[in-house]
C-alpha cells in the first residue's frame, strides 16, 4: 500500500511517521546483527525497542479515535 492512499485513513502524516520509526528500528536491528561489540549491540537494540514502543503508542492512539 502506498502511504498516500492511507493518509485519509490515518489522517495526515501519521502513517509516514510510523513508517519512519519502523525503518529506524529495522535499520538498528540489522546493524546489531553485523557487529560484535556487545555494548553497541545493546544500545542499538534498546534504540530499536524504543522506536517500536513509539509505533505502538501512535498506532494505539489512532485506533481508539
Protein backbone atom coordinates (compact mmCIF):
# COMPACT_ATOMS: atom_id res chain seq x y z
CA UNK A 1 0.00 0.00 0.00
CA UNK A 2 1.25 3.43 -0.81
CA UNK A 3 1.36 5.98 2.00
CA UNK A 4 -0.78 8.42 0.04
CA UNK A 5 -3.71 6.03 -0.21
CA UNK A 6 -3.71 5.58 3.56
CA UNK A 7 -3.41 9.22 4.53
CA UNK A 8 -7.17 9.66 4.66
CA UNK A 9 -7.50 6.68 6.94
CA UNK A 10 -4.63 7.60 9.27
CA UNK A 11 -5.13 11.34 8.97
CA UNK A 12 -2.18 13.39 7.80
CA UNK A 13 1.35 12.11 8.12
CA UNK A 14 0.88 9.55 10.91
CA UNK A 15 1.47 6.59 8.63
CA UNK A 16 4.60 8.28 7.36
CA UNK A 17 5.77 8.70 10.97
CA UNK A 18 5.09 5.04 11.69
CA UNK A 19 6.96 4.01 8.55
CA UNK A 20 9.90 6.21 9.53
CA UNK A 21 10.06 4.73 13.04
CA UNK A 22 9.76 1.20 11.62
CA UNK A 23 12.62 1.90 9.21
CA UNK A 24 14.78 3.22 12.05
CA UNK A 25 14.08 0.18 14.23
CA UNK A 26 14.74 -2.27 11.40
CA UNK A 27 17.99 -0.50 10.47
CA UNK A 28 19.23 -0.63 14.07
CA UNK A 29 18.35 -4.34 14.32
CA UNK A 30 20.15 -5.13 11.06
CA UNK A 31 23.23 -3.25 12.20
CA UNK A 32 23.21 -5.02 15.58
CA UNK A 33 23.42 -8.35 13.76
CA UNK A 34 26.51 -7.28 11.81
CA UNK A 35 28.73 -6.04 14.63
CA UNK A 36 30.48 -7.76 17.53
CA UNK A 37 30.73 -5.01 20.17
CA UNK A 38 28.31 -6.04 22.94
CA UNK A 39 27.71 -2.53 24.29
CA UNK A 40 26.90 -1.17 20.84
CA UNK A 41 24.58 -4.11 20.14
CA UNK A 42 22.71 -3.43 23.40
CA UNK A 43 22.38 0.27 22.58
CA UNK A 44 21.11 -0.46 19.06
CA UNK A 45 18.55 -2.99 20.32
CA UNK A 46 17.43 -0.57 23.02
CA UNK A 47 17.00 2.12 20.37
CA UNK A 48 15.01 -0.27 18.18
CA UNK A 49 12.79 -1.21 21.12
CA UNK A 50 12.11 2.45 21.88
CA UNK A 51 11.11 3.09 18.26
CA UNK A 52 8.77 0.06 18.31
CA UNK A 53 7.15 1.31 21.54
CA UNK A 54 6.63 4.70 19.89
CA UNK A 55 4.90 2.93 16.99
CA UNK A 56 2.60 1.12 19.43
CA UNK A 57 1.70 4.39 21.16
CA UNK A 58 1.00 6.20 17.89
CA UNK A 59 -0.97 3.31 16.40
CA UNK A 60 -2.90 2.79 19.65
CA UNK A 61 -3.94 6.43 19.87
CA UNK A 62 -5.49 6.38 16.43
CA UNK A 63 -7.20 3.01 16.74
CA UNK A 64 -9.28 4.42 19.60
CA UNK A 65 -10.35 7.56 17.73
